[in-house]
Amino acid sequence: MITILGSLNMDLILHTERIPKVGETVLGRDFRQVPGGKGANQAVAAARLGASVAMIGAVGRDDMGAFLLRQMKKDGIDTSLIWESEQPTGLAMILVDDEGHNSITVASGANFDLKEEQLQQARPVLEKSSLFLAQLENPLSYVSEALKLAHSLGLRTVLNPAPAAPLDAEMMDGIDILTPNESELSLLSGGLPTETPEDCMKAGQRLLDQGLSTLLVTRGADGCLYMDGKETKVFPAYRVPMKDSTAAGDCFNGALVAALEQGSDLFAAIDFAMRAAAISVTREGAQPSLPRLEEVRAFDAWYGKQEI
């Protein structure tokens, strides 16, 4: 089983020709409301890819929160550890341009109203789990405590440090695999540049020198960089026509832990995750874009039909 701590949001998505500059107004189209939140997206991705998933999180006592819970249950996720808060359900305002790039603003709401008792209630579930995955759309101190607990119980821990925030040494000690993108890696490494693979390697080495054991840097169309202090490996991206990159990173992380839970070695899990993420960017929305196991298994035939 995989236990995932993270956010649950309602995504309000608006398509525009381009992302507006500061002070500029542009006309939008195709407004939609879809379930999202990094934690929920990663939980749904893992569940759709065959993993047994339980989630720790919080929603408001409102219609959006009830809707998000219903959707997660449809994907077979254990929602018994999702807290009902007096704060409103989290919201994400997402602009998507014609090239599939996005700009996102999040109002955290209930996602920042997690209780210490939830971690204690989660302990029996954690004890039955083999992997723990978290992000940073919940209070940093809470994520740190959860990582510490999961690590102490022998779980393999994965942190997707998004949105980026500085991590102290104690928190780093509880992380087995860290999965930043390039901008997050730059912040975590103290502002080092991350524009090129060589830049990313230098920035990544700084984190490894601080005690991190395994680093996976997701680089969008430039693939994924693996580092563990002894070996460095670049995984090229699968080139596909991108429609919406909103949940690509979440898809990667959910698919990664799903593959690990099902017995894949880490390199095979990375390739599986990159295939799943490639499928996701050809579709619109966060959770609606996340593929199912049979789709990833049929990836080679599907990929051969893609036209860039």
C-alpha atoms as a PDB file:
ATOM      1  CA  MET A   1       0.000   0.000   0.000  1.00  0.00           C
ATOM      2  CA  ILE A   2       0.983   3.627  -0.599  1.00  0.00           C
ATOM      3  CA  THR A   3       0.046   6.374   1.864  1.00  0.00           C
ATOM      4  CA  ILE A   4      -0.033   9.874   0.374  1.00  0.00           C
ATOM      5  CA  LEU A   5      -0.152  13.108   2.344  1.00  0.00           C
ATOM      6  CA  GLY A   6      -1.223  16.077   0.303  1.00  0.00           C
ATOM      7  CA  SER A   7      -3.620  18.708  -0.903  1.00  0.00           C
ATOM      8  CA  LEU A   8      -7.112  18.439  -2.353  1.00  0.00           C
ATOM      9  CA  ASN A   9      -8.271  21.371  -4.473  1.00  0.00           C
ATOM     10  CA  MET A  10     -10.997  22.265  -6.875  1.00  0.00           C
ATOM     11  CA  ASP A  11      -9.261  23.423 -10.039  1.00  0.00           C
ATOM     12  CA  LEU A  12     -10.857  26.366 -11.860  1.00  0.00           C
ATOM     13  CA  ILE A  13      -9.375  26.171 -15.361  1.00  0.00           C
ATOM     14  CA  LEU A  14      -9.509  28.876 -18.006  1.00  0.00           C
ATOM     15  CA  HIS A  15      -7.900  28.591 -21.447  1.00  0.00           C
ATOM     16  CA  THR A  16      -6.334  31.686 -23.006  1.00  0.00           C
ATOM     17  CA  GLU A  17      -4.311  32.390 -26.136  1.00  0.00           C
ATOM     18  CA  ARG A  18      -1.428  33.383 -23.874  1.00  0.00           C
ATOM     19  CA  ILE A  19      -0.727  33.985 -20.181  1.00  0.00           C
ATOM     20  CA  PRO A  20      -1.324  37.704 -19.434  1.00  0.00           C
ATOM     21  CA  LYS A  21       1.473  39.970 -18.283  1.00  0.00           C
ATOM     22  CA  VAL A  22       1.171  42.012 -15.086  1.00  0.00           C
ATOM     23  CA  GLY A  23      -1.641  44.549 -15.481  1.00  0.00           C
ATOM     24  CA  GLU A  24      -2.842  43.021 -18.751  1.00  0.00           C
ATOM     25  CA  THR A  25      -6.290  41.600 -19.510  1.00  0.00           C
ATOM     26  CA  VAL A  26      -6.758  38.843 -22.083  1.00  0.00           C
ATOM     27  CA  LEU A  27      -9.939  37.054 -23.106  1.00  0.00           C
ATOM     28  CA  GLY A  28     -10.347  33.460 -22.006  1.00  0.00           C
ATOM     29  CA  ARG A  29     -12.489  30.528 -23.077  1.00  0.00           C
ATOM     30  CA  ASP A  30     -13.532  26.999 -22.090  1.00  0.00           C
ATOM     31  CA  PHE A  31     -13.904  27.490 -18.326  1.00  0.00           C
ATOM     32  CA  ARG A  32     -14.105  24.228 -16.365  1.00  0.00           C
ATOM     33  CA  GLN A  33     -14.090  23.002 -12.759  1.00  0.00           C
ATOM     34  CA  VAL A  34     -12.233  19.727 -12.190  1.00  0.00           C
ATOM     35  CA  PRO A  35     -10.825  17.931  -9.130  1.00  0.00           C
ATOM     36  CA  GLY A  36      -7.171  18.654  -8.412  1.00  0.00           C
ATOM     37  CA  GLY A  37      -4.549  19.399  -5.765  1.00  0.00           C
ATOM     38  CA  LYS A  38      -1.075  17.908  -5.963  1.00  0.00           C
ATOM     39  CA  GLY A  39      -1.739  15.284  -3.308  1.00  0.00           C
ATOM     40  CA  ALA A  40      -5.078  14.214  -4.753  1.00  0.00           C
ATOM     41  CA  ASN A  41      -3.676  14.178  -8.296  1.00  0.00           C
ATOM     42  CA  GLN A  42      -0.790  11.949  -7.249  1.00  0.00           C
ATOM     43  CA  ALA A  43      -3.111   9.658  -5.302  1.00  0.00           C
ATOM     44  CA  VAL A  44      -5.451   9.285  -8.287  1.00  0.00           C
ATOM     45  CA  ALA A  45      -2.515   8.700 -10.637  1.00  0.00           C
ATOM     46  CA  ALA A  46      -1.171   5.906  -8.436  1.00  0.00           C
ATOM     47  CA  ALA A  47      -4.591   4.318  -7.931  1.00  0.00           C
ATOM     48  CA  ARG A  48      -5.422   4.332 -11.646  1.00  0.00           C
ATOM     49  CA  LEU A  49      -2.105   2.621 -12.297  1.00  0.00           C
ATOM     50  CA  GLY A  50      -2.914  -0.315 -10.053  1.00  0.00           C
ATOM     51  CA  ALA A  51      -1.663   0.754  -6.618  1.00  0.00           C
ATOM     52  CA  SER A  52      -3.521   0.451  -3.328  1.00  0.00           C
ATOM     53  CA  VAL A  53      -3.675   4.030  -2.002  1.00  0.00           C
ATOM     54  CA  ALA A  54      -4.715   5.763   1.224  1.00  0.00           C
ATOM     55  CA  MET A  55      -4.662   9.548   1.533  1.00  0.00           C
ATOM     56  CA  ILE A  56      -4.131  11.956   4.419  1.00  0.00           C
ATOM     57  CA  GLY A  57      -5.556  15.433   3.790  1.00  0.00           C
ATOM     58  CA  ALA A  58      -8.393  17.854   4.465  1.00  0.00           C
ATOM     59  CA  VAL A  59     -11.384  19.357   2.678  1.00  0.00           C
ATOM     60  CA  GLY A  60     -13.967  21.889   3.768  1.00  0.00           C
ATOM     61  CA  ARG A  61     -17.515  21.133   4.869  1.00  0.00           C
ATOM     62  CA  ASP A  62     -18.801  22.394   1.538  1.00  0.00           C
ATOM     63  CA  ASP A  63     -20.087  21.103  -1.789  1.00  0.00           C
ATOM     64  CA  MET A  64     -16.660  21.169  -3.397  1.00  0.00           C
ATOM     65  CA  GLY A  65     -15.155  19.104  -0.592  1.00  0.00           C
ATOM     66  CA  ALA A  66     -17.936  16.527  -0.829  1.00  0.00           C
ATOM     67  CA  PHE A  67     -17.450  16.338  -4.584  1.00  0.00           C
ATOM     68  CA  LEU A  68     -13.695  15.794  -4.257  1.00  0.00           C
ATOM     69  CA  LEU A  69     -14.230  12.954  -1.778  1.00  0.00           C
ATOM     70  CA  ARG A  70     -16.751  11.259  -4.050  1.00  0.00           C
ATOM     71  CA  GLN A  71     -14.347  11.440  -6.978  1.00  0.00           C
ATOM     72  CA  MET A  72     -11.484   9.927  -4.984  1.00  0.00           C
ATOM     73  CA  LYS A  73     -13.675   7.069  -3.800  1.00  0.00           C
ATOM     74  CA  LYS A  74     -14.574   6.342  -7.434  1.00  0.00           C
ATOM     75  CA  ASP A  75     -10.874   5.678  -8.039  1.00  0.00           C
ATOM     76  CA  GLY A  76     -10.733   3.273  -5.093  1.00  0.00           C
ATOM     77  CA  ILE A  77      -8.734   5.528  -2.761  1.00  0.00           C
ATOM     78  CA  ASP A  78      -9.097   5.092   1.002  1.00  0.00           C
ATOM     79  CA  THR A  79     -10.388   8.508   2.154  1.00  0.00           C
ATOM     80  CA  SER A  80     -10.873   7.625   5.836  1.00  0.00           C
ATOM     81  CA  LEU A  81      -7.908   9.842   6.805  1.00  0.00           C
ATOM     82  CA  ILE A  82      -9.194  12.950   5.016  1.00  0.00           C
ATOM     83  CA  TRP A  83     -10.222  15.535   7.621  1.00  0.00           C
ATOM     84  CA  GLU A  84     -13.363  17.693   7.273  1.00  0.00           C
ATOM     85  CA  SER A  85     -12.288  21.230   8.178  1.00  0.00           C
ATOM     86  CA  GLU A  86     -14.199  24.395   9.017  1.00  0.00           C
ATOM     87  CA  GLN A  87     -11.967  26.113   6.454  1.00  0.00           C
ATOM     88  CA  PRO A  88     -13.139  26.141   2.821  1.00  0.00           C
ATOM     89  CA  THR A  89     -11.922  23.501   0.393  1.00  0.00           C
ATOM     90  CA  GLY A  90      -8.731  24.507  -1.405  1.00  0.00           C
ATOM     91  CA  LEU A  91      -8.975  26.243  -4.771  1.00  0.00           C
ATOM     92  CA  ALA A  92      -6.536  26.506  -7.678  1.00  0.00           C
ATOM     93  CA  MET A  93      -6.932  29.127 -10.417  1.00  0.00           C
ATOM     94  CA  ILE A  94      -5.256  27.750 -13.553  1.00  0.00           C
ATOM     95  CA  LEU A  95      -4.596  29.572 -16.815  1.00  0.00           C
ATOM     96  CA  VAL A  96      -3.585  27.381 -19.777  1.00  0.00           C
ATOM     97  CA  ASP A  97      -2.238  28.934 -22.980  1.00  0.00           C
ATOM     98  CA  ASP A  98      -2.480  27.638 -26.536  1.00  0.00           C
ATOM     99  CA  GLU A  99       0.883  25.875 -26.253  1.00  0.00           C
ATOM    100  CA  GLY A 100      -0.226  23.924 -23.178  1.00  0.00           C
ATOM    101  CA  HIS A 101       1.830  25.909 -20.648  1.00  0.00           C
ATOM    102  CA  ASN A 102       0.119  26.958 -17.442  1.00  0.00           C
ATOM    103  CA  SER A 103       0.125  29.512 -14.645  1.00  0.00           C
ATOM    104  CA  ILE A 104      -1.375  28.479 -11.292  1.00  0.00           C
ATOM    105  CA  THR A 105      -2.415  30.336  -8.125  1.00  0.00           C
ATOM    106  CA  VAL A 106      -3.575  28.312  -5.113  1.00  0.00           C
ATOM    107  CA  ALA A 107      -5.769  29.280  -2.136  1.00  0.00           C
ATOM    108  CA  SER A 108      -4.889  26.567   0.383  1.00  0.00           C
ATOM    109  CA  GLY A 109      -7.938  26.728   2.673  1.00  0.00           C
ATOM    110  CA  ALA A 110      -8.501  23.376   4.408  1.00  0.00           C
ATOM    111  CA  ASN A 111      -5.161  22.051   3.185  1.00  0.00           C
ATOM    112  CA  PHE A 112      -3.489  24.122   5.919  1.00  0.00           C
ATOM    113  CA  ASP A 113      -5.872  22.914   8.631  1.00  0.00           C
ATOM    114  CA  LEU A 114      -4.390  19.481   9.270  1.00  0.00           C
ATOM    115  CA  LYS A 115      -4.400  18.145  12.829  1.00  0.00           C
ATOM    116  CA  GLU A 116      -1.731  16.291  14.783  1.00  0.00           C
ATOM    117  CA  GLU A 117      -4.315  13.652  15.669  1.00  0.00           C
ATOM    118  CA  GLN A 118      -4.582  12.757  11.997  1.00  0.00           C
ATOM    119  CA  LEU A 119      -1.004  11.483  11.997  1.00  0.00           C
ATOM    120  CA  GLN A 120      -1.739   9.332  15.027  1.00  0.00           C
ATOM    121  CA  GLN A 121      -4.878   7.993  13.361  1.00  0.00           C
ATOM    122  CA  ALA A 122      -2.831   7.277  10.245  1.00  0.00           C
ATOM    123  CA  ARG A 123      -0.254   5.160  12.058  1.00  0.00           C
ATOM    124  CA  PRO A 124      -2.051   1.789  11.528  1.00  0.00           C
ATOM    125  CA  VAL A 125      -2.365   2.590   7.807  1.00  0.00           C
ATOM    126  CA  LEU A 126       1.285   3.616   7.593  1.00  0.00           C
ATOM    127  CA  GLU A 127       2.298   0.383   9.289  1.00  0.00           C
ATOM    128  CA  LYS A 128       0.596  -1.532   6.455  1.00  0.00           C
ATOM    129  CA  SER A 129       2.213   0.630   3.761  1.00  0.00           C
ATOM    130  CA  SER A 130       5.509   0.225   1.945  1.00  0.00           C
ATOM    131  CA  LEU A 131       5.758   3.740   0.487  1.00  0.00           C
ATOM    132  CA  PHE A 132       4.950   7.260   1.635  1.00  0.00           C
ATOM    133  CA  LEU A 133       4.608  10.210  -0.743  1.00  0.00           C
ATOM    134  CA  ALA A 134       4.143  13.895   0.113  1.00  0.00           C
ATOM    135  CA  GLN A 135       4.380  17.362  -1.452  1.00  0.00           C
ATOM    136  CA  LEU A 136       4.516  20.880   0.038  1.00  0.00           C
ATOM    137  CA  GLU A 137       0.933  22.166  -0.344  1.00  0.00           C
ATOM    138  CA  ASN A 138       0.401  21.442   3.363  1.00  0.00           C
ATOM    139  CA  PRO A 139       2.188  23.097   6.312  1.00  0.00           C
ATOM    140  CA  LEU A 140       5.915  22.372   6.075  1.00  0.00           C
ATOM    141  CA  SER A 141       6.140  21.369   9.744  1.00  0.00           C
ATOM    142  CA  TYR A 142       3.323  18.860   9.271  1.00  0.00           C
ATOM    143  CA  VAL A 143       4.960  17.328   6.196  1.00  0.00           C
ATOM    144  CA  SER A 144       8.239  17.076   8.114  1.00  0.00           C
ATOM    145  CA  GLU A 145       6.584  15.232  11.013  1.00  0.00           C
ATOM    146  CA  ALA A 146       4.808  12.878   8.632  1.00  0.00           C
ATOM    147  CA  LEU A 147       8.039  12.082   6.782  1.00  0.00           C
ATOM    148  CA  LYS A 148       9.792  11.443  10.084  1.00  0.00           C
ATOM    149  CA  LEU A 149       7.033   9.086  11.232  1.00  0.00           C
ATOM    150  CA  ALA A 150       6.897   7.205   7.930  1.00  0.00           C
ATOM    151  CA  HIS A 151      10.681   6.862   7.814  1.00  0.00           C
ATOM    152  CA  SER A 152      10.778   5.581  11.404  1.00  0.00           C
ATOM    153  CA  LEU A 153       8.234   2.903  10.466  1.00  0.00           C
ATOM    154  CA  GLY A 154      10.455   1.684   7.639  1.00  0.00           C
ATOM    155  CA  LEU A 155       8.547   3.091   4.680  1.00  0.00           C
ATOM    156  CA  ARG A 156      10.359   4.242   1.555  1.00  0.00           C
ATOM    157  CA  THR A 157       9.690   7.985   1.507  1.00  0.00           C
ATOM    158  CA  VAL A 158       9.297  10.201  -1.556  1.00  0.00           C
ATOM    159  CA  LEU A 159       8.977  13.983  -1.405  1.00  0.00           C
ATOM    160  CA  ASN A 160       7.884  16.069  -4.369  1.00  0.00           C
ATOM    161  CA  PRO A 161       9.047  19.518  -3.118  1.00  0.00           C
ATOM    162  CA  ALA A 162       6.327  21.539  -4.818  1.00  0.00           C
ATOM    163  CA  PRO A 163       5.708  24.358  -4.422  1.00  0.00           C
ATOM    164  CA  ALA A 164       9.376  24.890  -3.631  1.00  0.00           C
ATOM    165  CA  ALA A 165      10.431  25.742  -0.078  1.00  0.00           C
ATOM    166  CA  PRO A 166      13.744  25.440   1.803  1.00  0.00           C
ATOM    167  CA  LEU A 167      14.192  22.071   3.533  1.00  0.00           C
ATOM    168  CA  ASP A 168      16.210  21.791   6.736  1.00  0.00           C
ATOM    169  CA  ALA A 169      18.645  18.955   7.510  1.00  0.00           C
ATOM    170  CA  GLU A 170      16.182  17.140   9.780  1.00  0.00           C
ATOM    171  CA  MET A 171      13.581  17.036   7.039  1.00  0.00           C
ATOM    172  CA  MET A 172      16.127  15.890   4.449  1.00  0.00           C
ATOM    173  CA  ASP A 173      17.058  12.997   6.729  1.00  0.00           C
ATOM    174  CA  GLY A 174      13.536  11.612   6.356  1.00  0.00           C
ATOM    175  CA  ILE A 175      13.566  11.596   2.539  1.00  0.00           C
ATOM    176  CA  ASP A 176      14.662   8.592   0.494  1.00  0.00           C
ATOM    177  CA  ILE A 177      13.810  10.043  -2.945  1.00  0.00           C
ATOM    178  CA  LEU A 178      13.452  13.750  -3.758  1.00  0.00           C
ATOM    179  CA  THR A 179      11.692  14.707  -7.023  1.00  0.00           C
ATOM    180  CA  PRO A 180      12.038  18.451  -7.783  1.00  0.00           C
ATOM    181  CA  ASN A 181      11.668  20.088 -11.156  1.00  0.00           C
ATOM    182  CA  GLU A 182      14.362  22.506 -12.350  1.00  0.00           C
ATOM    183  CA  SER A 183      13.042  25.635 -10.619  1.00  0.00           C
ATOM    184  CA  GLU A 184      12.515  23.749  -7.360  1.00  0.00           C
ATOM    185  CA  LEU A 185      16.030  22.315  -7.589  1.00  0.00           C
ATOM    186  CA  SER A 186      17.411  25.828  -8.003  1.00  0.00           C
ATOM    187  CA  LEU A 187      15.710  27.040  -4.825  1.00  0.00           C
ATOM    188  CA  LEU A 188      16.694  23.942  -2.825  1.00  0.00           C
ATOM    189  CA  SER A 189      20.327  24.279  -3.885  1.00  0.00           C
ATOM    190  CA  GLY A 190      20.553  27.889  -2.743  1.00  0.00           C
ATOM    191  CA  GLY A 191      19.836  29.559  -6.056  1.00  0.00           C
ATOM    192  CA  LEU A 192      22.214  27.662  -8.324  1.00  0.00           C
ATOM    193  CA  PRO A 193      21.314  27.808 -12.036  1.00  0.00           C
ATOM    194  CA  THR A 194      19.479  24.795 -13.488  1.00  0.00           C
ATOM    195  CA  GLU A 195      19.059  25.700 -17.168  1.00  0.00           C
ATOM    196  CA  THR A 196      21.276  22.923 -18.559  1.00  0.00           C
ATOM    197  CA  PRO A 197      21.865  19.270 -17.608  1.00  0.00           C
ATOM    198  CA  GLU A 198      25.307  20.269 -16.336  1.00  0.00           C
ATOM    199  CA  ASP A 199      23.753  22.995 -14.175  1.00  0.00           C
ATOM    200  CA  CYS A 200      21.275  20.491 -12.747  1.00  0.00           C
ATOM    201  CA  MET A 201      24.063  18.052 -11.934  1.00  0.00           C
ATOM    202  CA  LYS A 202      25.985  20.703 -10.007  1.00  0.00           C
ATOM    203  CA  ALA A 203      22.873  21.811  -8.128  1.00  0.00           C
ATOM    204  CA  GLY A 204      21.902  18.220  -7.471  1.00  0.00           C
ATOM    205  CA  GLN A 205      25.351  17.402  -6.127  1.00  0.00           C
ATOM    206  CA  ARG A 206      24.926  20.135  -3.526  1.00  0.00           C
ATOM    207  CA  LEU A 207      21.833  18.321  -2.194  1.00  0.00           C
ATOM    208  CA  LEU A 208      23.604  14.968  -2.235  1.00  0.00           C
ATOM    209  CA  ASP A 209      26.484  16.539  -0.310  1.00  0.00           C
ATOM    210  CA  GLN A 210      23.913  17.581   2.313  1.00  0.00           C
ATOM    211  CA  GLY A 211      22.926  13.952   2.884  1.00  0.00           C
ATOM    212  CA  LEU A 212      20.208  13.262   0.303  1.00  0.00           C
ATOM    213  CA  SER A 213      20.469   9.701  -1.027  1.00  0.00           C
ATOM    214  CA  THR A 214      18.512   9.809  -4.308  1.00  0.00           C
ATOM    215  CA  LEU A 215      17.512  12.726  -6.529  1.00  0.00           C
ATOM    216  CA  LEU A 216      15.194  12.701  -9.552  1.00  0.00           C
ATOM    217  CA  VAL A 217      14.971  16.018 -11.402  1.00  0.00           C
ATOM    218  CA  THR A 218      11.973  16.252 -13.722  1.00  0.00           C
ATOM    219  CA  ARG A 219      12.855  18.476 -16.685  1.00  0.00           C
ATOM    220  CA  GLY A 220       9.707  18.469 -18.805  1.00  0.00           C
ATOM    221  CA  ALA A 221      10.499  17.987 -22.487  1.00  0.00           C
ATOM    222  CA  ASP A 222      14.153  17.427 -21.520  1.00  0.00           C
ATOM    223  CA  GLY A 223      13.380  14.250 -19.597  1.00  0.00           C
ATOM    224  CA  CYS A 224      14.527  13.210 -16.133  1.00  0.00           C
ATOM    225  CA  LEU A 225      17.898  13.337 -14.386  1.00  0.00           C
ATOM    226  CA  TYR A 226      18.800  10.636 -11.831  1.00  0.00           C
ATOM    227  CA  MET A 227      21.581  11.107  -9.268  1.00  0.00           C
ATOM    228  CA  ASP A 228      22.550   9.093  -6.203  1.00  0.00           C
ATOM    229  CA  GLY A 229      26.111  10.217  -5.501  1.00  0.00           C
ATOM    230  CA  LYS A 230      27.580   7.184  -7.280  1.00  0.00           C
ATOM    231  CA  GLU A 231      25.686   7.160 -10.562  1.00  0.00           C
ATOM    232  CA  THR A 232      24.138   9.807 -12.798  1.00  0.00           C
ATOM    233  CA  LYS A 233      21.713   8.884 -15.543  1.00  0.00           C
ATOM    234  CA  VAL A 234      19.651  10.946 -17.986  1.00  0.00           C
ATOM    235  CA  PHE A 235      16.280   9.589 -19.121  1.00  0.00           C
ATOM    236  CA  PRO A 236      15.237  11.256 -22.399  1.00  0.00           C
ATOM    237  CA  ALA A 237      11.641  12.454 -22.642  1.00  0.00           C
ATOM    238  CA  TYR A 238       9.024  10.852 -24.830  1.00  0.00           C
ATOM    239  CA  ARG A 239       8.150  13.538 -27.379  1.00  0.00           C
ATOM    240  CA  VAL A 240       4.408  14.034 -27.771  1.00  0.00           C
ATOM    241  CA  PRO A 241       2.134  16.904 -28.892  1.00  0.00           C
ATOM    242  CA  MET A 242       1.499  18.779 -25.616  1.00  0.00           C
ATOM    243  CA  LYS A 243      -2.016  20.018 -24.940  1.00  0.00           C
ATOM    244  CA  ASP A 244      -1.933  20.778 -21.186  1.00  0.00           C
ATOM    245  CA  SER A 245       0.958  20.233 -18.761  1.00  0.00           C
ATOM    246  CA  THR A 246      -1.093  20.961 -15.620  1.00  0.00           C
ATOM    247  CA  ALA A 247      -0.679  17.598 -13.856  1.00  0.00           C
ATOM    248  CA  ALA A 248       2.359  16.174 -15.613  1.00  0.00           C
ATOM    249  CA  GLY A 249       4.570  16.314 -12.524  1.00  0.00           C
ATOM    250  CA  ASP A 250       1.831  14.860 -10.343  1.00  0.00           C
ATOM    251  CA  CYS A 251       1.307  12.066 -12.851  1.00  0.00           C
ATOM    252  CA  PHE A 252       5.044  11.318 -12.803  1.00  0.00           C
ATOM    253  CA  ASN A 253       5.177  11.105  -9.011  1.00  0.00           C
ATOM    254  CA  GLY A 254       2.028   9.002  -8.665  1.00  0.00           C
ATOM    255  CA  ALA A 255       3.167   6.641 -11.410  1.00  0.00           C
ATOM    256  CA  LEU A 256       6.651   6.387  -9.877  1.00  0.00           C
ATOM    257  CA  VAL A 257       5.381   5.158  -6.503  1.00  0.00           C
ATOM    258  CA  ALA A 258       2.776   2.926  -8.161  1.00  0.00           C
ATOM    259  CA  ALA A 259       5.505   1.148 -10.125  1.00  0.00           C
ATOM    260  CA  LEU A 260       7.723   0.865  -7.042  1.00  0.00           C
ATOM    261  CA  GLU A 261       4.843  -0.579  -5.018  1.00  0.00           C
ATOM    262  CA  GLN A 262       4.298  -3.206  -7.692  1.00  0.00           C
ATOM    263  CA  GLY A 263       7.924  -4.355  -7.541  1.00  0.00           C
ATOM    264  CA  SER A 264       9.699  -2.380 -10.279  1.00  0.00           C
ATOM    265  CA  ASP A 265      13.280  -1.315  -9.718  1.00  0.00           C
ATOM    266  CA  LEU A 266      13.836   2.429  -9.637  1.00  0.00           C
ATOM    267  CA  PHE A 267      15.034   2.825 -13.233  1.00  0.00           C
ATOM    268  CA  ALA A 268      12.071   0.845 -14.572  1.00  0.00           C
ATOM    269  CA  ALA A 269       9.764   2.906 -12.353  1.00  0.00           C
ATOM    270  CA  ILE A 270      11.195   6.149 -13.767  1.00  0.00           C
ATOM    271  CA  ASP A 271      10.568   4.994 -17.329  1.00  0.00           C
ATOM    272  CA  PHE A 272       7.029   3.893 -16.409  1.00  0.00           C
ATOM    273  CA  ALA A 273       6.403   7.308 -14.832  1.00  0.00           C
ATOM    274  CA  MET A 274       7.704   9.139 -17.885  1.00  0.00           C
ATOM    275  CA  ARG A 275       5.385   7.132 -20.129  1.00  0.00           C
ATOM    276  CA  ALA A 276       2.395   7.937 -17.937  1.00  0.00           C
ATOM    277  CA  ALA A 277       3.305  11.644 -17.843  1.00  0.00           C
ATOM    278  CA  ALA A 278       3.711  11.720 -21.626  1.00  0.00           C
ATOM    279  CA  ILE A 279       0.153  10.472 -22.011  1.00  0.00           C
ATOM    280  CA  SER A 280      -1.153  13.006 -19.496  1.00  0.00           C
ATOM    281  CA  VAL A 281       0.161  16.095 -21.304  1.00  0.00           C
ATOM    282  CA  THR A 282      -1.807  15.204 -24.439  1.00  0.00           C
ATOM    283  CA  ARG A 283      -5.045  15.692 -22.465  1.00  0.00           C
ATOM    284  CA  GLU A 284      -6.691  18.611 -20.698  1.00  0.00           C
ATOM    285  CA  GLY A 285      -7.178  19.050 -16.971  1.00  0.00           C
ATOM    286  CA  ALA A 286      -5.512  17.589 -13.912  1.00  0.00           C
ATOM    287  CA  GLN A 287      -7.217  14.366 -12.842  1.00  0.00           C
ATOM    288  CA  PRO A 288      -9.074  13.920 -16.168  1.00  0.00           C
ATOM    289  CA  SER A 289      -5.671  13.668 -17.895  1.00  0.00           C
ATOM    290  CA  LEU A 290      -4.305  10.872 -15.693  1.00  0.00           C
ATOM    291  CA  PRO A 291      -4.004   7.553 -17.543  1.00  0.00           C
ATOM    292  CA  ARG A 292      -5.026   4.076 -16.438  1.00  0.00           C
ATOM    293  CA  LEU A 293      -2.770   1.041 -16.245  1.00  0.00           C
ATOM    294  CA  GLU A 294      -3.940  -0.510 -19.488  1.00  0.00           C
ATOM    295  CA  GLU A 295      -3.109   2.713 -21.336  1.00  0.00           C
ATOM    296  CA  VAL A 296       0.477   2.789 -20.071  1.00  0.00           C
ATOM    297  CA  ARG A 297       0.880  -0.893 -20.867  1.00  0.00           C
ATOM    298  CA  ALA A 298      -0.179  -0.085 -24.445  1.00  0.00           C
ATOM    299  CA  PHE A 299       2.188   2.908 -24.581  1.00  0.00           C
ATOM    300  CA  ASP A 300       4.456   1.694 -27.380  1.00  0.00           C
ATOM    301  CA  ALA A 301       1.573   1.255 -29.832  1.00  0.00           C
ATOM    302  CA  TRP A 302       0.057   4.589 -28.769  1.00  0.00           C
ATOM    303  CA  TYR A 303       3.386   6.427 -28.953  1.00  0.00           C
ATOM    304  CA  GLY A 304       4.021   5.203 -32.472  1.00  0.00           C
ATOM    305  CA  LYS A 305       0.920   7.059 -33.635  1.00  0.00           C
ATOM    306  CA  GLN A 306       1.860  10.426 -32.132  1.00  0.00           C
ATOM    307  CA  GLU A 307       2.765  13.245 -34.488  1.00  0.00           C
ATOM    308  CA  ILE A 308       4.896  16.094 -33.132  1.00  0.00           C
END
